[in-house]
PDB file of N, CA and C in Angstrom:
ATOM      1  N   MET A   1      38.759  56.552  89.459  1.00  0.00           N
ATOM      2  CA  MET A   1      38.092  57.569  88.925  1.00  0.00           C
ATOM      3  C   MET A   1      37.297  57.887  90.128  1.00  0.00           C
ATOM      4  N   PRO A   2      37.192  59.284  90.159  1.00  0.00           N
ATOM      5  CA  PRO A   2      36.392  60.107  90.984  1.00  0.00           C
ATOM      6  C   PRO A   2      35.003  59.732  90.565  1.00  0.00           C
ATOM      7  N   ASP A   3      34.109  60.103  91.495  1.00  0.00           N
ATOM      8  CA  ASP A   3      32.596  60.205  90.962  1.00  0.00           C
ATOM      9  C   ASP A   3      32.206  61.135  90.070  1.00  0.00           C
ATOM     10  N   SER A   4      32.654  62.559  90.333  1.00  0.00           N
ATOM     11  CA  SER A   4      32.221  63.593  89.624  1.00  0.00           C
ATOM     12  C   SER A   4      33.075  63.002  87.747  1.00  0.00           C
ATOM     13  N   ALA A   5      33.935  62.292  87.506  1.00  0.00           N
ATOM     14  CA  ALA A   5      34.337  61.923  86.444  1.00  0.00           C
ATOM     15  C   ALA A   5      33.528  61.230  85.992  1.00  0.00           C
ATOM     16  N   LEU A   6      33.527  59.680  86.590  1.00  0.00           N
ATOM     17  CA  LEU A   6      32.068  59.148  85.982  1.00  0.00           C
ATOM     18  C   LEU A   6      30.732  59.631  85.354  1.00  0.00           C
ATOM     19  N   LEU A   7      30.554  60.753  86.329  1.00  0.00           N
ATOM     20  CA  LEU A   7      29.217  61.242  86.277  1.00  0.00           C
ATOM     21  C   LEU A   7      29.502  62.311  84.916  1.00  0.00           C
ATOM     22  N   SER A   8      30.388  62.752  84.690  1.00  0.00           N
ATOM     23  CA  SER A   8      30.574  63.705  83.218  1.00  0.00           C
ATOM     24  C   SER A   8      30.678  62.697  82.185  1.00  0.00           C
ATOM     25  N   ILE A   9      31.600  61.457  82.406  1.00  0.00           N
ATOM     26  CA  ILE A   9      31.166  60.561  81.250  1.00  0.00           C
ATOM     27  C   ILE A   9      30.143  59.787  80.775  1.00  0.00           C
ATOM     28  N   LEU A  10      29.235  59.442  82.285  1.00  0.00           N
ATOM     29  CA  LEU A  10      27.895  59.387  81.484  1.00  0.00           C
ATOM     30  C   LEU A  10      27.265  60.027  80.952  1.00  0.00           C
ATOM     31  N   SER A  11      27.264  61.147  81.690  1.00  0.00           N
ATOM     32  CA  SER A  11      26.220  62.405  81.005  1.00  0.00           C
ATOM     33  C   SER A  11      26.782  63.066  79.881  1.00  0.00           C
ATOM     34  N   SER A  12      27.499  62.513  79.299  1.00  0.00           N
ATOM     35  CA  SER A  12      28.352  62.835  77.912  1.00  0.00           C
ATOM     36  C   SER A  12      28.225  61.736  77.036  1.00  0.00           C
ATOM     37  N   ALA A  13      27.771  60.856  77.625  1.00  0.00           N
ATOM     38  CA  ALA A  13      27.465  59.747  76.462  1.00  0.00           C
ATOM     39  C   ALA A  13      25.543  59.880  76.262  1.00  0.00           C
ATOM     40  N   GLY A  14      25.114  60.820  76.446  1.00  0.00           N
ATOM     41  CA  GLY A  14      23.582  61.320  75.976  1.00  0.00           C
ATOM     42  C   GLY A  14      22.425  60.507  76.538  1.00  0.00           C
ATOM     43  N   VAL A  15      21.463  59.764  76.072  1.00  0.00           N
ATOM     44  CA  VAL A  15      20.551  59.210  76.956  1.00  0.00           C
ATOM     45  C   VAL A  15      20.775  58.250  77.407  1.00  0.00           C
ATOM     46  N   ALA A  16      21.741  57.216  76.839  1.00  0.00           N
ATOM     47  CA  ALA A  16      22.075  56.187  77.638  1.00  0.00           C
ATOM     48  C   ALA A  16      22.753  56.117  79.193  1.00  0.00           C
ATOM     49  N   GLY A  17      23.455  57.424  78.856  1.00  0.00           N
ATOM     50  CA  GLY A  17      24.164  57.555  80.025  1.00  0.00           C
ATOM     51  C   GLY A  17      23.854  58.512  81.255  1.00  0.00           C
ATOM     52  N   VAL A  18      22.345  58.766  80.769  1.00  0.00           N
ATOM     53  CA  VAL A  18      21.177  59.930  81.582  1.00  0.00           C
ATOM     54  C   VAL A  18      20.548  58.567  82.182  1.00  0.00           C
ATOM     55  N   PHE A  19      20.109  57.707  81.569  1.00  0.00           N
ATOM     56  CA  PHE A  19      19.199  56.381  82.183  1.00  0.00           C
ATOM     57  C   PHE A  19      20.180  55.290  83.186  1.00  0.00           C
ATOM     58  N   CYS A  20      21.666  55.627  82.647  1.00  0.00           N
ATOM     59  CA  CYS A  20      22.585  54.768  84.032  1.00  0.00           C
ATOM     60  C   CYS A  20      22.269  55.247  84.907  1.00  0.00           C
ATOM     61  N   ILE A  21      22.655  56.795  84.892  1.00  0.00           N
ATOM     62  CA  ILE A  21      22.322  57.521  86.053  1.00  0.00           C
ATOM     63  C   ILE A  21      21.516  57.705  87.287  1.00  0.00           C
ATOM     64  N   PHE A  22      20.292  57.585  86.223  1.00  0.00           N
ATOM     65  CA  PHE A  22      18.912  57.610  86.902  1.00  0.00           C
ATOM     66  C   PHE A  22      19.228  56.044  87.529  1.00  0.00           C
ATOM     67  N   PHE A  23      19.153  55.827  86.689  1.00  0.00           N
ATOM     68  CA  PHE A  23      18.870  53.922  87.284  1.00  0.00           C
ATOM     69  C   PHE A  23      20.232  53.683  89.095  1.00  0.00           C
ATOM     70  N   VAL A  24      20.987  53.889  88.621  1.00  0.00           N
ATOM     71  CA  VAL A  24      22.298  53.597  89.717  1.00  0.00           C
ATOM     72  C   VAL A  24      21.288  55.147  90.817  1.00  0.00           C
ATOM     73  N   ALA A  25      21.652  55.989  90.810  1.00  0.00           N
ATOM     74  CA  ALA A  25      20.946  56.901  91.766  1.00  0.00           C
ATOM     75  C   ALA A  25      19.312  56.030  92.635  1.00  0.00           C
ATOM     76  N   GLY A  26      19.006  55.122  91.756  1.00  0.00           N
ATOM     77  CA  GLY A  26      17.825  55.011  92.269  1.00  0.00           C
ATOM     78  C   GLY A  26      16.258  55.496  91.782  1.00  0.00           C
ATOM     79  N   LEU A  27      16.319  55.962  90.960  1.00  0.00           N
ATOM     80  CA  LEU A  27      15.112  56.603  90.430  1.00  0.00           C
ATOM     81  C   LEU A  27      14.964  55.947  89.461  1.00  0.00           C
ATOM     82  N   ILE A  28      15.118  55.160  88.867  1.00  0.00           N
ATOM     83  CA  ILE A  28      14.405  54.488  87.847  1.00  0.00           C
ATOM     84  C   ILE A  28      14.614  52.843  88.380  1.00  0.00           C
ATOM     85  N   TYR A  29      13.594  51.841  88.084  1.00  0.00           N
ATOM     86  CA  TYR A  29      13.163  50.373  88.853  1.00  0.00           C
ATOM     87  C   TYR A  29      13.221  49.521  87.359  1.00  0.00           C
ATOM     88  N   PRO A  30      13.509  48.496  87.586  1.00  0.00           N
ATOM     89  CA  PRO A  30      13.118  47.108  86.521  1.00  0.00           C
ATOM     90  C   PRO A  30      11.607  47.171  87.096  1.00  0.00           C
ATOM     91  N   LYS A  31      11.258  46.595  86.001  1.00  0.00           N
ATOM     92  CA  LYS A  31       9.308  46.055  85.754  1.00  0.00           C
ATOM     93  C   LYS A  31       8.788  45.265  86.734  1.00  0.00           C
ATOM     94  N   THR A  32      10.408  44.481  86.885  1.00  0.00           N
ATOM     95  CA  THR A  32      10.051  43.190  88.071  1.00  0.00           C
ATOM     96  C   THR A  32       9.834  43.510  89.397  1.00  0.00           C
ATOM     97  N   VAL A  33      11.008  44.529  89.858  1.00  0.00           N
ATOM     98  CA  VAL A  33      10.862  44.868  91.256  1.00  0.00           C
ATOM     99  C   VAL A  33       9.629  45.491  91.276  1.00  0.00           C
ATOM    100  N   ILE A  34       8.783  46.510  90.658  1.00  0.00           N
ATOM    101  CA  ILE A  34       7.773  47.277  90.095  1.00  0.00           C
ATOM    102  C   ILE A  34       6.497  45.867  90.575  1.00  0.00           C
ATOM    103  N   SER A  35       6.579  45.262  89.921  1.00  0.00           N
ATOM    104  CA  SER A  35       5.131  43.782  89.906  1.00  0.00           C
ATOM    105  C   SER A  35       5.654  43.048  91.270  1.00  0.00           C
ATOM    106  N   ASP A  36       6.948  42.830  91.866  1.00  0.00           N
ATOM    107  CA  ASP A  36       6.790  42.181  92.668  1.00  0.00           C
ATOM    108  C   ASP A  36       6.074  42.864  94.347  1.00  0.00           C
ATOM    109  N   LYS A  37       6.579  44.401  93.968  1.00  0.00           N
ATOM    110  CA  LYS A  37       6.363  45.251  94.929  1.00  0.00           C
ATOM    111  C   LYS A  37       4.967  45.301  95.205  1.00  0.00           C
ATOM    112  N   ASN A  38       4.305  45.335  94.153  1.00  0.00           N
ATOM    113  CA  ASN A  38       2.498  45.309  94.011  1.00  0.00           C
ATOM    114  C   ASN A  38       2.131  44.243  94.391  1.00  0.00           C
ATOM    115  N   THR A  39       2.754  43.011  94.244  1.00  0.00           N
ATOM    116  CA  THR A  39       2.373  41.825  94.751  1.00  0.00           C
ATOM    117  C   THR A  39       2.111  41.792  96.215  1.00  0.00           C
ATOM    118  N   GLU A  40       3.443  42.399  96.632  1.00  0.00           N
ATOM    119  CA  GLU A  40       3.743  42.266  97.593  1.00  0.00           C
ATOM    120  C   GLU A  40       2.401  43.025  98.583  1.00  0.00           C
ATOM    121  N   ILE A  41       2.536  44.293  98.274  1.00  0.00           N
ATOM    122  CA  ILE A  41       1.216  45.340  98.390  1.00  0.00           C
ATOM    123  C   ILE A  41       0.274  44.512  98.691  1.00  0.00           C
ATOM    124  N   ALA A  42      -0.480  43.886  97.515  1.00  0.00           N
ATOM    125  CA  ALA A  42      -1.851  43.191  97.660  1.00  0.00           C
ATOM    126  C   ALA A  42      -1.697  41.832  98.688  1.00  0.00           C
ATOM    127  N   GLU A  43      -0.423  41.141  98.886  1.00  0.00           N
ATOM    128  CA  GLU A  43      -0.517  40.102  99.907  1.00  0.00           C
ATOM    129  C   GLU A  43      -0.823  40.768 101.213  1.00  0.00           C
ATOM    130  N   LEU A  44       0.125  41.559 101.796  1.00  0.00           N
ATOM    131  CA  LEU A  44      -0.179  42.636 102.892  1.00  0.00           C
ATOM    132  C   LEU A  44      -2.240  42.804 103.026  1.00  0.00           C
ATOM    133  N   LYS A  45      -2.280  43.128 102.207  1.00  0.00           N
ATOM    134  CA  LYS A  45      -3.728  44.177 101.931  1.00  0.00           C
ATOM    135  C   LYS A  45      -4.868  42.798 102.813  1.00  0.00           C
ATOM    136  N   ALA A  46      -4.541  41.856 101.630  1.00  0.00           N
ATOM    137  CA  ALA A  46      -5.522  40.475 101.595  1.00  0.00           C
ATOM    138  C   ALA A  46      -4.870  40.257 103.156  1.00  0.00           C
ATOM    139  N   ALA A  47      -4.027  40.092 103.851  1.00  0.00           N
ATOM    140  CA  ALA A  47      -3.597  39.334 104.893  1.00  0.00           C
ATOM    141  C   ALA A  47      -4.375  40.636 106.185  1.00  0.00           C
ATOM    142  N   LEU A  48      -4.539  42.272 105.664  1.00  0.00           N
ATOM    143  CA  LEU A  48      -4.773  42.888 106.960  1.00  0.00           C
ATOM    144  C   LEU A  48      -6.423  42.518 106.864  1.00  0.00           C
ATOM    145  N   GLU A  49      -6.943  42.429 105.985  1.00  0.00           N
ATOM    146  CA  GLU A  49      -8.320  41.832 106.194  1.00  0.00           C
ATOM    147  C   GLU A  49      -9.125  41.089 106.147  1.00  0.00           C
ATOM    148  N   ALA A  50      -8.264  40.171 106.238  1.00  0.00           N
ATOM    149  CA  ALA A  50      -8.512  38.530 107.389  1.00  0.00           C
ATOM    150  C   ALA A  50      -8.399  38.725 108.389  1.00  0.00           C
ATOM    151  N   GLU A  51      -7.416  39.797 108.380  1.00  0.00           N
ATOM    152  CA  GLU A  51      -6.972  39.975 110.415  1.00  0.00           C
ATOM    153  C   GLU A  51      -8.290  40.809 111.327  1.00  0.00           C
ATOM    154  N   ARG A  52      -8.680  41.758 110.309  1.00  0.00           N
ATOM    155  CA  ARG A  52      -9.634  42.154 110.479  1.00  0.00           C
ATOM    156  C   ARG A  52     -10.879  41.455 110.813  1.00  0.00           C
ATOM    157  N   ASP A  53     -11.125  40.457 109.569  1.00  0.00           N
ATOM    158  CA  ASP A  53     -12.567  39.555 109.870  1.00  0.00           C
ATOM    159  C   ASP A  53     -12.464  38.769 111.182  1.00  0.00           C
ATOM    160  N   ARG A  54     -11.079  38.512 111.245  1.00  0.00           N
ATOM    161  CA  ARG A  54     -10.930  37.648 112.859  1.00  0.00           C
ATOM    162  C   ARG A  54     -10.992  38.360 113.952  1.00  0.00           C
ATOM    163  N   ALA A  55     -10.541  39.609 113.981  1.00  0.00           N
ATOM    164  CA  ALA A  55     -11.397  40.530 115.486  1.00  0.00           C
ATOM    165  C   ALA A  55     -12.356  40.808 115.167  1.00  0.00           C
ATOM    166  N   ASN A  56     -13.006  40.589 114.480  1.00  0.00           N
ATOM    167  CA  ASN A  56     -14.521  41.212 114.184  1.00  0.00           C
ATOM    168  C   ASN A  56     -15.236  39.832 114.763  1.00  0.00           C
ATOM    169  N   THR A  57     -15.020  39.082 114.439  1.00  0.00           N
ATOM    170  CA  THR A  57     -15.381  37.499 114.965  1.00  0.00           C
ATOM    171  C   THR A  57     -15.581  37.283 116.597  1.00  0.00           C
ATOM    172  N   ALA A  58     -14.297  37.812 116.687  1.00  0.00           N
ATOM    173  CA  ALA A  58     -13.727  37.689 118.001  1.00  0.00           C
ATOM    174  C   ALA A  58     -14.560  38.618 119.047  1.00  0.00           C
ATOM    175  N   VAL A  59     -14.812  39.526 118.415  1.00  0.00           N
ATOM    176  CA  VAL A  59     -15.547  40.360 119.144  1.00  0.00           C
ATOM    177  C   VAL A  59     -17.316  39.954 119.156  1.00  0.00           C
ATOM    178  N   THR A  60     -17.618  39.776 117.723  1.00  0.00           N
ATOM    179  CA  THR A  60     -19.258  39.285 118.237  1.00  0.00           C
ATOM    180  C   THR A  60     -19.192  38.067 118.946  1.00  0.00           C
ATOM    181  N   VAL A  61     -18.452  36.790 118.896  1.00  0.00           N
ATOM    182  CA  VAL A  61     -18.299  35.890 119.713  1.00  0.00           C
ATOM    183  C   VAL A  61     -18.066  36.287 121.410  1.00  0.00           C
ATOM    184  N   ALA A  62     -17.131  37.269 121.452  1.00  0.00           N
ATOM    185  CA  ALA A  62     -17.259  37.455 122.983  1.00  0.00           C
ATOM    186  C   ALA A  62     -18.131  38.606 123.878  1.00  0.00           C
ATOM    187  N   SER A  63     -19.197  38.863 122.911  1.00  0.00           N
ATOM    188  CA  SER A  63     -20.390  39.562 122.813  1.00  0.00           C
ATOM    189  C   SER A  63     -21.411  38.446 123.075  1.00  0.00           C
ATOM    190  N   ALA A  64     -21.783  37.582 121.925  1.00  0.00           N
ATOM    191  CA  ALA A  64     -22.575  36.648 122.347  1.00  0.00           C
ATOM    192  C   ALA A  64     -22.313  35.558 123.919  1.00  0.00           C
ATOM    193  N   THR A  65     -21.184  35.659 124.313  1.00  0.00           N
ATOM    194  CA  THR A  65     -20.786  34.957 125.249  1.00  0.00           C
ATOM    195  C   THR A  65     -21.547  35.758 126.557  1.00  0.00           C
ATOM    196  N   ARG A  66     -21.029  37.070 126.559  1.00  0.00           N
ATOM    197  CA  ARG A  66     -21.237  38.004 127.331  1.00  0.00           C
ATOM    198  C   ARG A  66     -22.879  37.912 127.701  1.00  0.00           C
ATOM    199  N   ASP A  67     -23.794  37.607 126.572  1.00  0.00           N
ATOM    200  CA  ASP A  67     -24.855  37.909 126.781  1.00  0.00           C
ATOM    201  C   ASP A  67     -25.230  36.426 127.646  1.00  0.00           C
ATOM    202  N   ILE A  68     -25.011  35.115 127.231  1.00  0.00           N
ATOM    203  CA  ILE A  68     -25.454  33.508 127.604  1.00  0.00           C
ATOM    204  C   ILE A  68     -25.277  34.331 128.756  1.00  0.00           C
ATOM    205  N   LEU A  69     -23.837  34.557 129.405  1.00  0.00           N
ATOM    206  CA  LEU A  69     -23.490  34.423 130.772  1.00  0.00           C
ATOM    207  C   LEU A  69     -24.235  34.977 131.519  1.00  0.00           C
ATOM    208  N   ALA A  70     -24.980  36.350 131.018  1.00  0.00           N
ATOM    209  CA  ALA A  70     -25.520  37.411 131.557  1.00  0.00           C
ATOM    210  C   ALA A  70     -27.700  36.552 131.823  1.00  0.00           C
ATOM    211  N   ALA A  71     -27.416  35.830 130.947  1.00  0.00           N
ATOM    212  CA  ALA A  71     -28.644  35.108 130.992  1.00  0.00           C
ATOM    213  C   ALA A  71     -28.750  34.101 132.017  1.00  0.00           C
ATOM    214  N   PHE A  72     -27.642  33.244 132.349  1.00  0.00           N
ATOM    215  CA  PHE A  72     -27.794  32.191 132.964  1.00  0.00           C
ATOM    216  C   PHE A  72     -28.023  32.721 134.151  1.00  0.00           C
ATOM    217  N   GLN A  73     -26.813  34.068 134.602  1.00  0.00           N
ATOM    218  CA  GLN A  73     -26.678  34.775 135.762  1.00  0.00           C
ATOM    219  C   GLN A  73     -28.170  35.429 136.318  1.00  0.00           C
ATOM    220  N   LEU A  74     -29.469  35.689 135.363  1.00  0.00           N
ATOM    221  CA  LEU A  74     -30.293  36.519 135.532  1.00  0.00           C
ATOM    222  C   LEU A  74     -31.484  35.074 136.267  1.00  0.00           C
ATOM    223  N   GLY A  75     -31.311  34.129 135.294  1.00  0.00           N
ATOM    224  CA  GLY A  75     -32.374  32.637 135.474  1.00  0.00           C
ATOM    225  C   GLY A  75     -31.998  32.075 137.057  1.00  0.00           C
ATOM    226  N   ARG A  76     -30.482  32.330 137.594  1.00  0.00           N
ATOM    227  CA  ARG A  76     -30.238  31.794 138.507  1.00  0.00           C
ATOM    228  C   ARG A  76     -30.579  32.704 139.916  1.00  0.00           C
ATOM    229  N   ASP A  77     -30.708  33.998 139.740  1.00  0.00           N
ATOM    230  CA  ASP A  77     -30.739  35.452 140.480  1.00  0.00           C
ATOM    231  C   ASP A  77     -32.673  34.840 140.438  1.00  0.00           C
ATOM    232  N   GLN A  78     -33.160  34.605 139.621  1.00  0.00           N
ATOM    233  CA  GLN A  78     -34.685  34.526 139.446  1.00  0.00           C
ATOM    234  C   GLN A  78     -35.098  33.656 140.017  1.00  0.00           C
ATOM    235  N   LYS A  79     -34.186  32.511 140.475  1.00  0.00           N
ATOM    236  CA  LYS A  79     -34.822  31.032 140.862  1.00  0.00           C
ATOM    237  C   LYS A  79     -34.113  31.143 142.498  1.00  0.00           C
ATOM    238  N   ALA A  80     -33.031  31.788 142.841  1.00  0.00           N
ATOM    239  CA  ALA A  80     -32.927  31.896 143.884  1.00  0.00           C
ATOM    240  C   ALA A  80     -33.962  32.798 144.629  1.00  0.00           C
ATOM    241  N   GLY A  81     -34.419  33.664 144.233  1.00  0.00           N
ATOM    242  CA  GLY A  81     -36.022  34.555 144.805  1.00  0.00           C
ATOM    243  C   GLY A  81     -35.088  35.789 145.243  1.00  0.00           C
ATOM    244  N   PRO A  82     -35.543  36.881 145.884  1.00  0.00           N
ATOM    245  CA  PRO A  82     -34.911  38.248 146.362  1.00  0.00           C
ATOM    246  C   PRO A  82     -34.330  37.641 147.349  1.00  0.00           C
ATOM    247  N   VAL A  83     -33.446  38.727 147.671  1.00  0.00           N
ATOM    248  CA  VAL A  83     -32.380  38.726 148.618  1.00  0.00           C
ATOM    249  C   VAL A  83     -33.089  39.259 149.800  1.00  0.00           C
ATOM    250  N   PRO A  84     -32.651  38.183 150.801  1.00  0.00           N
ATOM    251  CA  PRO A  84     -33.411  39.022 152.291  1.00  0.00           C
ATOM    252  C   PRO A  84     -32.420  40.185 152.925  1.00  0.00           C
TER     253      PRO A  84
END
């Protein structure tokens, strides 16, 4: 049966036929698919937020390490005295 014949049969079936056409075409999704998608989006947002927090922590730690190393170097330079 060609596609046009199937479409004409389904569209003549009324509301149920139109629903079937929309469902097959991908314009209507089951509620479980939408809820699964929303759950996945929420999980991905939480993972992204955690990754951003880890990145911010890494930047803070790197900055603190740089400051400590600079203080060590400054102390060493002051202890050594002026360079001749």
